[in-house]
């Protein structure tokens, strides 16, 4: 998979041609799965959702876009997206086939990939997440992707359990020769971190980040605010405050595309002081203004 950083002046290019897809997840239905081929090339579409995303390209060619990074994928390539992370998808060749899994952390729980928590792969910046790097690995990933596709299409008894096991194996193979980046003063997440944070992650999804404060999230995990904040950053790859901001912007993007409410009203609904505060944060995250984004709806 070819990986490259996007120049800042190009950020609005993918955002302005974007659309938001709907994915519904809940603790009782923690997995959303889709597969199939596109009939032709497509413009960039933005996907912003509360779940974690894993995709495999089975045929053709497609790009995955992030605000500051993009990757060009061919058969056997994999993409990874974190919770509430805005990302774009563009189909390059006709009949591009793929399998996509979007799931809540509860779907994999506190499973380990050797000595790494599986969530470490998603906590790294997009440009530093693991990629398929050898022909042998590409063949293995393609076989796994086709197995996942078969599970999704047939939906035989226990198919979600089969998807879970195949997904863990896929993430394990991706992690074998990869180590998460560690900045100055930061530590690798420990196996117990995800388990400690799971009550807060469940509450975040059930009630929404807007209604959950740092104090409430920490209390749900029986942790002090400082300790909770440290574990959250190490495990999720960003601070609790930044996670909340990202989810608020995703909620604003949804309202822009699905309602006629004024920007000021949307800003108040998702926790911003006024429309100008939402405008500045939206441009930084999506590379376009709320008005430009709203113009995308069909």
C-alpha atoms as a PDB file:
ATOM      1  CA  UNK A   1       0.000   0.000   0.000  1.00  0.00           C
ATOM      2  CA  UNK A   2       1.418   3.363  -1.025  1.00  0.00           C
ATOM      3  CA  UNK A   3       1.320   5.871   1.800  1.00  0.00           C
ATOM      4  CA  UNK A   4       1.876   9.608   1.566  1.00  0.00           C
ATOM      5  CA  UNK A   5       1.282  12.804   3.499  1.00  0.00           C
ATOM      6  CA  UNK A   6      -1.240  15.207   2.016  1.00  0.00           C
ATOM      7  CA  UNK A   7      -0.165  18.845   1.564  1.00  0.00           C
ATOM      8  CA  UNK A   8      -2.297  21.176   3.669  1.00  0.00           C
ATOM      9  CA  UNK A   9      -3.607  23.028   0.608  1.00  0.00           C
ATOM     10  CA  UNK A  10      -5.145  19.775  -0.678  1.00  0.00           C
ATOM     11  CA  UNK A  11      -7.126  18.952   2.476  1.00  0.00           C
ATOM     12  CA  UNK A  12     -10.335  20.623   1.307  1.00  0.00           C
ATOM     13  CA  UNK A  13     -10.205  18.651  -1.953  1.00  0.00           C
ATOM     14  CA  UNK A  14     -11.293  15.396  -0.334  1.00  0.00           C
ATOM     15  CA  UNK A  15     -13.586  17.032   2.187  1.00  0.00           C
ATOM     16  CA  UNK A  16     -15.520  19.091  -0.357  1.00  0.00           C
ATOM     17  CA  UNK A  17     -16.376  15.980  -2.399  1.00  0.00           C
ATOM     18  CA  UNK A  18     -17.376  13.978   0.672  1.00  0.00           C
ATOM     19  CA  UNK A  19     -20.521  12.419   1.999  1.00  0.00           C
ATOM     20  CA  UNK A  20     -21.219  10.838   5.383  1.00  0.00           C
ATOM     21  CA  UNK A  21     -22.290   7.218   5.599  1.00  0.00           C
ATOM     22  CA  UNK A  22     -24.599   5.924   8.331  1.00  0.00           C
ATOM     23  CA  UNK A  23     -23.421   3.109  10.581  1.00  0.00           C
ATOM     24  CA  UNK A  24     -25.556   2.074  13.538  1.00  0.00           C
ATOM     25  CA  UNK A  25     -23.862   0.264  16.413  1.00  0.00           C
ATOM     26  CA  UNK A  26     -24.979  -0.595  19.928  1.00  0.00           C
ATOM     27  CA  UNK A  27     -23.767  -2.816  22.773  1.00  0.00           C
ATOM     28  CA  UNK A  28     -26.289  -5.438  21.624  1.00  0.00           C
ATOM     29  CA  UNK A  29     -25.194  -5.065  17.971  1.00  0.00           C
ATOM     30  CA  UNK A  30     -21.477  -4.169  18.148  1.00  0.00           C
ATOM     31  CA  UNK A  31     -20.603  -5.182  14.571  1.00  0.00           C
ATOM     32  CA  UNK A  32     -21.493  -3.666  11.182  1.00  0.00           C
ATOM     33  CA  UNK A  33     -20.176  -5.578   8.180  1.00  0.00           C
ATOM     34  CA  UNK A  34     -20.367  -4.898   4.461  1.00  0.00           C
ATOM     35  CA  UNK A  35     -18.825  -6.288   1.303  1.00  0.00           C
ATOM     36  CA  UNK A  36     -19.220  -6.029  -2.445  1.00  0.00           C
ATOM     37  CA  UNK A  37     -17.884  -4.480  -5.636  1.00  0.00           C
ATOM     38  CA  UNK A  38     -18.425  -1.006  -7.038  1.00  0.00           C
ATOM     39  CA  UNK A  39     -19.487  -0.792 -10.675  1.00  0.00           C
ATOM     40  CA  UNK A  40     -17.184   2.133 -11.499  1.00  0.00           C
ATOM     41  CA  UNK A  41     -14.892   4.750 -10.087  1.00  0.00           C
ATOM     42  CA  UNK A  42     -16.373   7.058  -7.433  1.00  0.00           C
ATOM     43  CA  UNK A  43     -15.496  10.442  -5.920  1.00  0.00           C
ATOM     44  CA  UNK A  44     -14.293  10.672  -2.338  1.00  0.00           C
ATOM     45  CA  UNK A  45     -16.912   9.909   0.309  1.00  0.00           C
ATOM     46  CA  UNK A  46     -16.375  10.754   3.977  1.00  0.00           C
ATOM     47  CA  UNK A  47     -17.192   8.241   6.690  1.00  0.00           C
ATOM     48  CA  UNK A  48     -17.390   9.361  10.323  1.00  0.00           C
ATOM     49  CA  UNK A  49     -18.729   6.930  12.896  1.00  0.00           C
ATOM     50  CA  UNK A  50     -18.375   5.860  16.496  1.00  0.00           C
ATOM     51  CA  UNK A  51     -16.918   2.461  15.644  1.00  0.00           C
ATOM     52  CA  UNK A  52     -13.457   1.202  14.807  1.00  0.00           C
ATOM     53  CA  UNK A  53     -13.007   0.280  11.134  1.00  0.00           C
ATOM     54  CA  UNK A  54     -10.984  -2.393   9.353  1.00  0.00           C
ATOM     55  CA  UNK A  55     -11.145  -2.883   5.592  1.00  0.00           C
ATOM     56  CA  UNK A  56      -9.510  -5.194   3.069  1.00  0.00           C
ATOM     57  CA  UNK A  57      -9.285  -4.567  -0.682  1.00  0.00           C
ATOM     58  CA  UNK A  58     -10.079  -7.798  -2.534  1.00  0.00           C
ATOM     59  CA  UNK A  59      -9.894  -6.537  -6.140  1.00  0.00           C
ATOM     60  CA  UNK A  60      -9.318  -3.301  -8.036  1.00  0.00           C
ATOM     61  CA  UNK A  61      -7.797  -0.154  -6.534  1.00  0.00           C
ATOM     62  CA  UNK A  62      -8.971   2.432  -4.042  1.00  0.00           C
ATOM     63  CA  UNK A  63      -7.653   5.239  -1.846  1.00  0.00           C
ATOM     64  CA  UNK A  64      -8.235   5.930   1.816  1.00  0.00           C
ATOM     65  CA  UNK A  65      -7.973   9.602   2.784  1.00  0.00           C
ATOM     66  CA  UNK A  66      -7.302  11.252   6.122  1.00  0.00           C
ATOM     67  CA  UNK A  67      -7.072  15.039   6.667  1.00  0.00           C
ATOM     68  CA  UNK A  68      -3.245  14.946   6.602  1.00  0.00           C
ATOM     69  CA  UNK A  69      -2.526  11.602   4.984  1.00  0.00           C
ATOM     70  CA  UNK A  70      -3.666   9.270   2.223  1.00  0.00           C
ATOM     71  CA  UNK A  71      -2.990   5.680   1.216  1.00  0.00           C
ATOM     72  CA  UNK A  72      -3.446   4.037  -2.183  1.00  0.00           C
ATOM     73  CA  UNK A  73      -4.462   0.398  -1.912  1.00  0.00           C
ATOM     74  CA  UNK A  74      -4.499  -2.614  -4.222  1.00  0.00           C
ATOM     75  CA  UNK A  75      -5.711  -6.192  -3.596  1.00  0.00           C
ATOM     76  CA  UNK A  76      -4.414  -7.486  -0.280  1.00  0.00           C
ATOM     77  CA  UNK A  77      -4.045  -4.059   1.335  1.00  0.00           C
ATOM     78  CA  UNK A  78      -5.699  -3.163   4.639  1.00  0.00           C
ATOM     79  CA  UNK A  79      -6.855   0.127   6.142  1.00  0.00           C
ATOM     80  CA  UNK A  80      -7.468   0.922   9.806  1.00  0.00           C
ATOM     81  CA  UNK A  81      -9.559   3.784  11.217  1.00  0.00           C
ATOM     82  CA  UNK A  82     -10.057   4.794  14.842  1.00  0.00           C
ATOM     83  CA  UNK A  83     -13.290   5.798  16.583  1.00  0.00           C
ATOM     84  CA  UNK A  84     -14.784   9.123  15.395  1.00  0.00           C
ATOM     85  CA  UNK A  85     -11.856   9.572  13.003  1.00  0.00           C
ATOM     86  CA  UNK A  86     -12.912  11.349   9.777  1.00  0.00           C
ATOM     87  CA  UNK A  87     -11.664   9.488   6.740  1.00  0.00           C
ATOM     88  CA  UNK A  88     -12.431   9.405   3.041  1.00  0.00           C
ATOM     89  CA  UNK A  89     -12.727   6.603   0.509  1.00  0.00           C
ATOM     90  CA  UNK A  90     -12.283   6.896  -3.252  1.00  0.00           C
ATOM     91  CA  UNK A  91     -12.664   4.062  -5.765  1.00  0.00           C
ATOM     92  CA  UNK A  92     -10.124   4.254  -8.614  1.00  0.00           C
ATOM     93  CA  UNK A  93     -10.865   1.207 -10.768  1.00  0.00           C
ATOM     94  CA  UNK A  94     -14.219  -0.310 -11.799  1.00  0.00           C
ATOM     95  CA  UNK A  95     -15.276  -3.494 -10.019  1.00  0.00           C
ATOM     96  CA  UNK A  96     -13.199  -2.660  -6.947  1.00  0.00           C
ATOM     97  CA  UNK A  97     -14.226  -5.217  -4.325  1.00  0.00           C
ATOM     98  CA  UNK A  98     -13.731  -4.851  -0.586  1.00  0.00           C
ATOM     99  CA  UNK A  99     -14.843  -6.045   2.818  1.00  0.00           C
ATOM    100  CA  UNK A 100     -15.462  -3.533   5.630  1.00  0.00           C
ATOM    101  CA  UNK A 101     -15.909  -4.200   9.349  1.00  0.00           C
ATOM    102  CA  UNK A 102     -16.957  -1.446  11.767  1.00  0.00           C
ATOM    103  CA  UNK A 103     -17.252  -2.430  15.405  1.00  0.00           C
ATOM    104  CA  UNK A 104     -17.271  -1.250  19.002  1.00  0.00           C
ATOM    105  CA  UNK A 105     -14.282  -2.056  21.244  1.00  0.00           C
ATOM    106  CA  UNK A 106     -16.482  -4.528  23.105  1.00  0.00           C
ATOM    107  CA  UNK A 107     -16.548  -6.737  20.009  1.00  0.00           C
ATOM    108  CA  UNK A 108     -12.888  -7.705  20.549  1.00  0.00           C
ATOM    109  CA  UNK A 109     -12.732  -6.941  24.285  1.00  0.00           C
ATOM    110  CA  UNK A 110      -9.337  -7.158  25.957  1.00  0.00           C
ATOM    111  CA  UNK A 111      -7.797  -9.668  23.558  1.00  0.00           C
ATOM    112  CA  UNK A 112      -4.064  -9.422  22.975  1.00  0.00           C
ATOM    113  CA  UNK A 113      -1.991  -9.576  19.798  1.00  0.00           C
ATOM    114  CA  UNK A 114       1.039 -11.274  21.271  1.00  0.00           C
ATOM    115  CA  UNK A 115       2.279  -8.682  23.780  1.00  0.00           C
ATOM    116  CA  UNK A 116       0.248  -5.797  22.294  1.00  0.00           C
ATOM    117  CA  UNK A 117      -3.332  -4.741  23.039  1.00  0.00           C
ATOM    118  CA  UNK A 118      -5.130  -4.812  19.690  1.00  0.00           C
ATOM    119  CA  UNK A 119      -6.230  -1.194  20.113  1.00  0.00           C
ATOM    120  CA  UNK A 120      -2.582  -0.084  19.841  1.00  0.00           C
ATOM    121  CA  UNK A 121      -2.821  -0.464  16.054  1.00  0.00           C
ATOM    122  CA  UNK A 122      -5.552   2.191  15.918  1.00  0.00           C
ATOM    123  CA  UNK A 123      -4.015   4.533  18.500  1.00  0.00           C
ATOM    124  CA  UNK A 124      -1.034   5.239  16.216  1.00  0.00           C
ATOM    125  CA  UNK A 125      -1.311   8.126  13.717  1.00  0.00           C
ATOM    126  CA  UNK A 126      -2.670   6.992  10.313  1.00  0.00           C
ATOM    127  CA  UNK A 127       0.747   7.286   8.650  1.00  0.00           C
ATOM    128  CA  UNK A 128       2.311   4.990  11.278  1.00  0.00           C
ATOM    129  CA  UNK A 129      -0.274   2.209  11.425  1.00  0.00           C
ATOM    130  CA  UNK A 130       0.782  -1.248  10.215  1.00  0.00           C
ATOM    131  CA  UNK A 131       0.544  -2.062   6.519  1.00  0.00           C
ATOM    132  CA  UNK A 132       0.929  -5.138   4.334  1.00  0.00           C
ATOM    133  CA  UNK A 133       4.619  -5.226   3.462  1.00  0.00           C
ATOM    134  CA  UNK A 134       5.466  -8.569   1.761  1.00  0.00           C
ATOM    135  CA  UNK A 135       4.008 -10.714  -1.045  1.00  0.00           C
ATOM    136  CA  UNK A 136       3.494 -13.566   1.409  1.00  0.00           C
ATOM    137  CA  UNK A 137       1.541 -11.328   3.771  1.00  0.00           C
ATOM    138  CA  UNK A 138      -0.527  -9.991   0.873  1.00  0.00           C
ATOM    139  CA  UNK A 139      -1.566 -13.517  -0.092  1.00  0.00           C
ATOM    140  CA  UNK A 140      -2.457 -14.268   3.508  1.00  0.00           C
ATOM    141  CA  UNK A 141      -4.527 -11.095   3.860  1.00  0.00           C
ATOM    142  CA  UNK A 142      -6.378 -11.793   0.612  1.00  0.00           C
ATOM    143  CA  UNK A 143      -7.292 -15.269   1.843  1.00  0.00           C
ATOM    144  CA  UNK A 144      -8.502 -13.802   5.143  1.00  0.00           C
ATOM    145  CA  UNK A 145     -10.472 -11.105   3.335  1.00  0.00           C
ATOM    146  CA  UNK A 146     -12.239 -13.651   1.152  1.00  0.00           C
ATOM    147  CA  UNK A 147     -13.025 -15.751   4.211  1.00  0.00           C
ATOM    148  CA  UNK A 148     -14.524 -12.683   5.902  1.00  0.00           C
ATOM    149  CA  UNK A 149     -16.509 -11.921   2.754  1.00  0.00           C
ATOM    150  CA  UNK A 150     -17.914 -15.437   2.710  1.00  0.00           C
ATOM    151  CA  UNK A 151     -18.886 -15.198   6.406  1.00  0.00           C
ATOM    152  CA  UNK A 152     -20.672 -11.891   5.802  1.00  0.00           C
ATOM    153  CA  UNK A 153     -22.538 -13.038   2.692  1.00  0.00           C
ATOM    154  CA  UNK A 154     -23.660 -16.452   3.924  1.00  0.00           C
ATOM    155  CA  UNK A 155     -24.375 -15.468   7.548  1.00  0.00           C
ATOM    156  CA  UNK A 156     -24.230 -19.080   8.620  1.00  0.00           C
ATOM    157  CA  UNK A 157     -24.907 -19.847  12.306  1.00  0.00           C
ATOM    158  CA  UNK A 158     -22.167 -18.277  14.423  1.00  0.00           C
ATOM    159  CA  UNK A 159     -20.951 -16.041  11.585  1.00  0.00           C
ATOM    160  CA  UNK A 160     -20.178 -13.109  13.895  1.00  0.00           C
ATOM    161  CA  UNK A 161     -17.989 -15.351  16.037  1.00  0.00           C
ATOM    162  CA  UNK A 162     -16.183 -16.459  12.870  1.00  0.00           C
ATOM    163  CA  UNK A 163     -15.717 -12.800  11.859  1.00  0.00           C
ATOM    164  CA  UNK A 164     -14.351 -11.979  15.309  1.00  0.00           C
ATOM    165  CA  UNK A 165     -11.780 -14.779  15.171  1.00  0.00           C
ATOM    166  CA  UNK A 166     -10.756 -13.940  11.594  1.00  0.00           C
ATOM    167  CA  UNK A 167     -10.443 -10.262  12.485  1.00  0.00           C
ATOM    168  CA  UNK A 168      -8.207 -11.022  15.455  1.00  0.00           C
ATOM    169  CA  UNK A 169      -6.003 -13.190  13.252  1.00  0.00           C
ATOM    170  CA  UNK A 170      -5.801 -10.432  10.642  1.00  0.00           C
ATOM    171  CA  UNK A 171      -4.801  -7.824  13.226  1.00  0.00           C
ATOM    172  CA  UNK A 172      -2.302 -10.239  14.760  1.00  0.00           C
ATOM    173  CA  UNK A 173      -0.575 -10.803  11.415  1.00  0.00           C
ATOM    174  CA  UNK A 174      -0.445  -7.038  10.816  1.00  0.00           C
ATOM    175  CA  UNK A 175       1.118  -6.486  14.235  1.00  0.00           C
ATOM    176  CA  UNK A 176       3.822  -9.169  14.046  1.00  0.00           C
ATOM    177  CA  UNK A 177       6.623  -6.961  12.734  1.00  0.00           C
ATOM    178  CA  UNK A 178       5.221  -3.654  13.949  1.00  0.00           C
ATOM    179  CA  UNK A 179       5.676  -1.647  17.111  1.00  0.00           C
ATOM    180  CA  UNK A 180       3.561   1.368  18.043  1.00  0.00           C
ATOM    181  CA  UNK A 181       5.334   4.733  17.944  1.00  0.00           C
ATOM    182  CA  UNK A 182       6.256   6.068  21.370  1.00  0.00           C
ATOM    183  CA  UNK A 183       6.901   9.768  21.865  1.00  0.00           C
ATOM    184  CA  UNK A 184       8.966  11.429  24.551  1.00  0.00           C
ATOM    185  CA  UNK A 185       7.519  10.674  27.973  1.00  0.00           C
ATOM    186  CA  UNK A 186       4.891   8.276  26.606  1.00  0.00           C
ATOM    187  CA  UNK A 187       4.606   4.596  27.407  1.00  0.00           C
ATOM    188  CA  UNK A 188       3.139   1.674  25.525  1.00  0.00           C
ATOM    189  CA  UNK A 189      -0.358   0.731  26.715  1.00  0.00           C
ATOM    190  CA  UNK A 190      -0.452  -2.297  28.959  1.00  0.00           C
ATOM    191  CA  UNK A 191      -2.779  -5.255  28.417  1.00  0.00           C
ATOM    192  CA  UNK A 192      -4.942  -4.178  31.362  1.00  0.00           C
ATOM    193  CA  UNK A 193      -5.534  -0.639  30.082  1.00  0.00           C
ATOM    194  CA  UNK A 194      -8.330  -1.476  27.665  1.00  0.00           C
ATOM    195  CA  UNK A 195     -10.135  -3.505  30.324  1.00  0.00           C
ATOM    196  CA  UNK A 196      -9.906  -0.582  32.745  1.00  0.00           C
ATOM    197  CA  UNK A 197     -11.277   1.828  30.141  1.00  0.00           C
ATOM    198  CA  UNK A 198     -14.058  -0.395  28.819  1.00  0.00           C
ATOM    199  CA  UNK A 199     -16.761   0.941  31.210  1.00  0.00           C
ATOM    200  CA  UNK A 200     -16.089   4.479  29.975  1.00  0.00           C
ATOM    201  CA  UNK A 201     -15.998   3.423  26.321  1.00  0.00           C
ATOM    202  CA  UNK A 202     -19.351   1.688  26.773  1.00  0.00           C
ATOM    203  CA  UNK A 203     -20.851   4.804  28.362  1.00  0.00           C
ATOM    204  CA  UNK A 204     -19.409   6.967  25.598  1.00  0.00           C
ATOM    205  CA  UNK A 205     -21.281   4.964  23.021  1.00  0.00           C
ATOM    206  CA  UNK A 206     -24.513   4.500  24.973  1.00  0.00           C
ATOM    207  CA  UNK A 207     -24.932   8.134  26.062  1.00  0.00           C
ATOM    208  CA  UNK A 208     -22.639  10.037  23.713  1.00  0.00           C
ATOM    209  CA  UNK A 209     -19.435  11.909  24.530  1.00  0.00           C
ATOM    210  CA  UNK A 210     -21.337  15.196  24.783  1.00  0.00           C
ATOM    211  CA  UNK A 211     -23.101  14.108  27.948  1.00  0.00           C
ATOM    212  CA  UNK A 212     -20.119  12.397  29.603  1.00  0.00           C
ATOM    213  CA  UNK A 213     -17.585  14.509  31.483  1.00  0.00           C
ATOM    214  CA  UNK A 214     -14.013  13.552  32.296  1.00  0.00           C
ATOM    215  CA  UNK A 215     -15.015  13.165  35.945  1.00  0.00           C
ATOM    216  CA  UNK A 216     -17.917  10.836  35.066  1.00  0.00           C
ATOM    217  CA  UNK A 217     -15.814   8.781  32.676  1.00  0.00           C
ATOM    218  CA  UNK A 218     -13.041   8.376  35.244  1.00  0.00           C
ATOM    219  CA  UNK A 219     -15.536   7.445  37.977  1.00  0.00           C
ATOM    220  CA  UNK A 220     -17.066   4.763  35.744  1.00  0.00           C
ATOM    221  CA  UNK A 221     -13.620   3.152  35.594  1.00  0.00           C
ATOM    222  CA  UNK A 222     -12.989   3.643  39.318  1.00  0.00           C
ATOM    223  CA  UNK A 223     -10.014   5.875  38.485  1.00  0.00           C
ATOM    224  CA  UNK A 224      -8.933   9.386  39.361  1.00  0.00           C
ATOM    225  CA  UNK A 225      -9.144  11.963  36.580  1.00  0.00           C
ATOM    226  CA  UNK A 226      -5.369  12.206  36.116  1.00  0.00           C
ATOM    227  CA  UNK A 227      -4.851   8.449  35.950  1.00  0.00           C
ATOM    228  CA  UNK A 228      -7.841   7.988  33.657  1.00  0.00           C
ATOM    229  CA  UNK A 229      -6.612  10.724  31.338  1.00  0.00           C
ATOM    230  CA  UNK A 230      -3.170   9.126  31.080  1.00  0.00           C
ATOM    231  CA  UNK A 231      -4.539   5.645  30.371  1.00  0.00           C
ATOM    232  CA  UNK A 232      -7.013   7.011  27.835  1.00  0.00           C
ATOM    233  CA  UNK A 233      -4.313   8.815  25.894  1.00  0.00           C
ATOM    234  CA  UNK A 234      -1.967   5.813  25.912  1.00  0.00           C
ATOM    235  CA  UNK A 235      -4.706   3.406  24.813  1.00  0.00           C
ATOM    236  CA  UNK A 236      -6.720   5.525  22.370  1.00  0.00           C
ATOM    237  CA  UNK A 237      -3.896   7.632  20.949  1.00  0.00           C
ATOM    238  CA  UNK A 238      -5.457  10.976  21.886  1.00  0.00           C
ATOM    239  CA  UNK A 239      -6.701  12.755  24.979  1.00  0.00           C
ATOM    240  CA  UNK A 240     -10.236  12.339  26.302  1.00  0.00           C
ATOM    241  CA  UNK A 241     -10.868  16.009  25.499  1.00  0.00           C
ATOM    242  CA  UNK A 242      -9.684  15.586  21.913  1.00  0.00           C
ATOM    243  CA  UNK A 243     -11.822  12.454  21.565  1.00  0.00           C
ATOM    244  CA  UNK A 244     -14.879  14.390  22.743  1.00  0.00           C
ATOM    245  CA  UNK A 245     -14.104  17.209  20.304  1.00  0.00           C
ATOM    246  CA  UNK A 246     -13.781  14.778  17.408  1.00  0.00           C
ATOM    247  CA  UNK A 247     -17.145  13.211  18.252  1.00  0.00           C
ATOM    248  CA  UNK A 248     -18.815  16.634  18.580  1.00  0.00           C
ATOM    249  CA  UNK A 249     -17.566  17.597  15.121  1.00  0.00           C
ATOM    250  CA  UNK A 250     -18.810  14.298  13.703  1.00  0.00           C
ATOM    251  CA  UNK A 251     -22.220  15.011  15.225  1.00  0.00           C
ATOM    252  CA  UNK A 252     -22.168  18.503  13.711  1.00  0.00           C
ATOM    253  CA  UNK A 253     -21.307  17.045  10.294  1.00  0.00           C
ATOM    254  CA  UNK A 254     -24.262  14.677  10.576  1.00  0.00           C
ATOM    255  CA  UNK A 255     -26.685  17.492  11.424  1.00  0.00           C
ATOM    256  CA  UNK A 256     -25.362  19.600   8.559  1.00  0.00           C
ATOM    257  CA  UNK A 257     -26.197  16.865   6.081  1.00  0.00           C
ATOM    258  CA  UNK A 258     -29.507  15.721   7.578  1.00  0.00           C
ATOM    259  CA  UNK A 259     -31.206  18.905   8.859  1.00  0.00           C
ATOM    260  CA  UNK A 260     -31.842  22.509   7.842  1.00  0.00           C
ATOM    261  CA  UNK A 261     -30.963  23.862  11.276  1.00  0.00           C
ATOM    262  CA  UNK A 262     -28.828  27.034  11.276  1.00  0.00           C
ATOM    263  CA  UNK A 263     -25.137  26.585  12.018  1.00  0.00           C
ATOM    264  CA  UNK A 264     -25.503  28.466  15.316  1.00  0.00           C
ATOM    265  CA  UNK A 265     -28.242  26.070  16.418  1.00  0.00           C
ATOM    266  CA  UNK A 266     -26.146  23.053  15.471  1.00  0.00           C
ATOM    267  CA  UNK A 267     -23.175  24.544  17.309  1.00  0.00           C
ATOM    268  CA  UNK A 268     -25.216  24.869  20.496  1.00  0.00           C
ATOM    269  CA  UNK A 269     -26.602  21.357  20.121  1.00  0.00           C
ATOM    270  CA  UNK A 270     -23.139  19.763  19.887  1.00  0.00           C
ATOM    271  CA  UNK A 271     -21.551  21.819  22.651  1.00  0.00           C
ATOM    272  CA  UNK A 272     -19.897  24.826  20.974  1.00  0.00           C
ATOM    273  CA  UNK A 273     -20.286  28.372  22.273  1.00  0.00           C
ATOM    274  CA  UNK A 274     -21.478  29.669  18.895  1.00  0.00           C
ATOM    275  CA  UNK A 275     -21.232  29.149  15.149  1.00  0.00           C
ATOM    276  CA  UNK A 276     -17.838  30.827  14.837  1.00  0.00           C
ATOM    277  CA  UNK A 277     -16.256  28.392  17.305  1.00  0.00           C
ATOM    278  CA  UNK A 278     -17.753  25.471  15.392  1.00  0.00           C
ATOM    279  CA  UNK A 279     -16.578  27.015  12.101  1.00  0.00           C
ATOM    280  CA  UNK A 280     -12.925  27.211  13.206  1.00  0.00           C
ATOM    281  CA  UNK A 281     -12.846  23.695  14.672  1.00  0.00           C
ATOM    282  CA  UNK A 282     -14.677  22.267  11.647  1.00  0.00           C
ATOM    283  CA  UNK A 283     -12.211  23.758   9.158  1.00  0.00           C
ATOM    284  CA  UNK A 284      -9.258  22.375  11.125  1.00  0.00           C
ATOM    285  CA  UNK A 285     -10.751  18.872  11.199  1.00  0.00           C
ATOM    286  CA  UNK A 286     -12.510  18.576   7.832  1.00  0.00           C
ATOM    287  CA  UNK A 287     -10.650  21.052   5.636  1.00  0.00           C
ATOM    288  CA  UNK A 288     -13.828  22.900   4.621  1.00  0.00           C
ATOM    289  CA  UNK A 289     -16.405  25.180   6.211  1.00  0.00           C
ATOM    290  CA  UNK A 290     -19.716  23.928   7.642  1.00  0.00           C
ATOM    291  CA  UNK A 291     -21.478  25.655   4.748  1.00  0.00           C
ATOM    292  CA  UNK A 292     -19.317  23.911   2.156  1.00  0.00           C
ATOM    293  CA  UNK A 293     -19.912  20.581   3.846  1.00  0.00           C
ATOM    294  CA  UNK A 294     -23.683  21.148   3.950  1.00  0.00           C
ATOM    295  CA  UNK A 295     -23.698  21.805   0.200  1.00  0.00           C
ATOM    296  CA  UNK A 296     -22.716  18.152  -0.372  1.00  0.00           C
ATOM    297  CA  UNK A 297     -26.064  16.676   0.503  1.00  0.00           C
ATOM    298  CA  UNK A 298     -28.069  15.439  -2.426  1.00  0.00           C
END
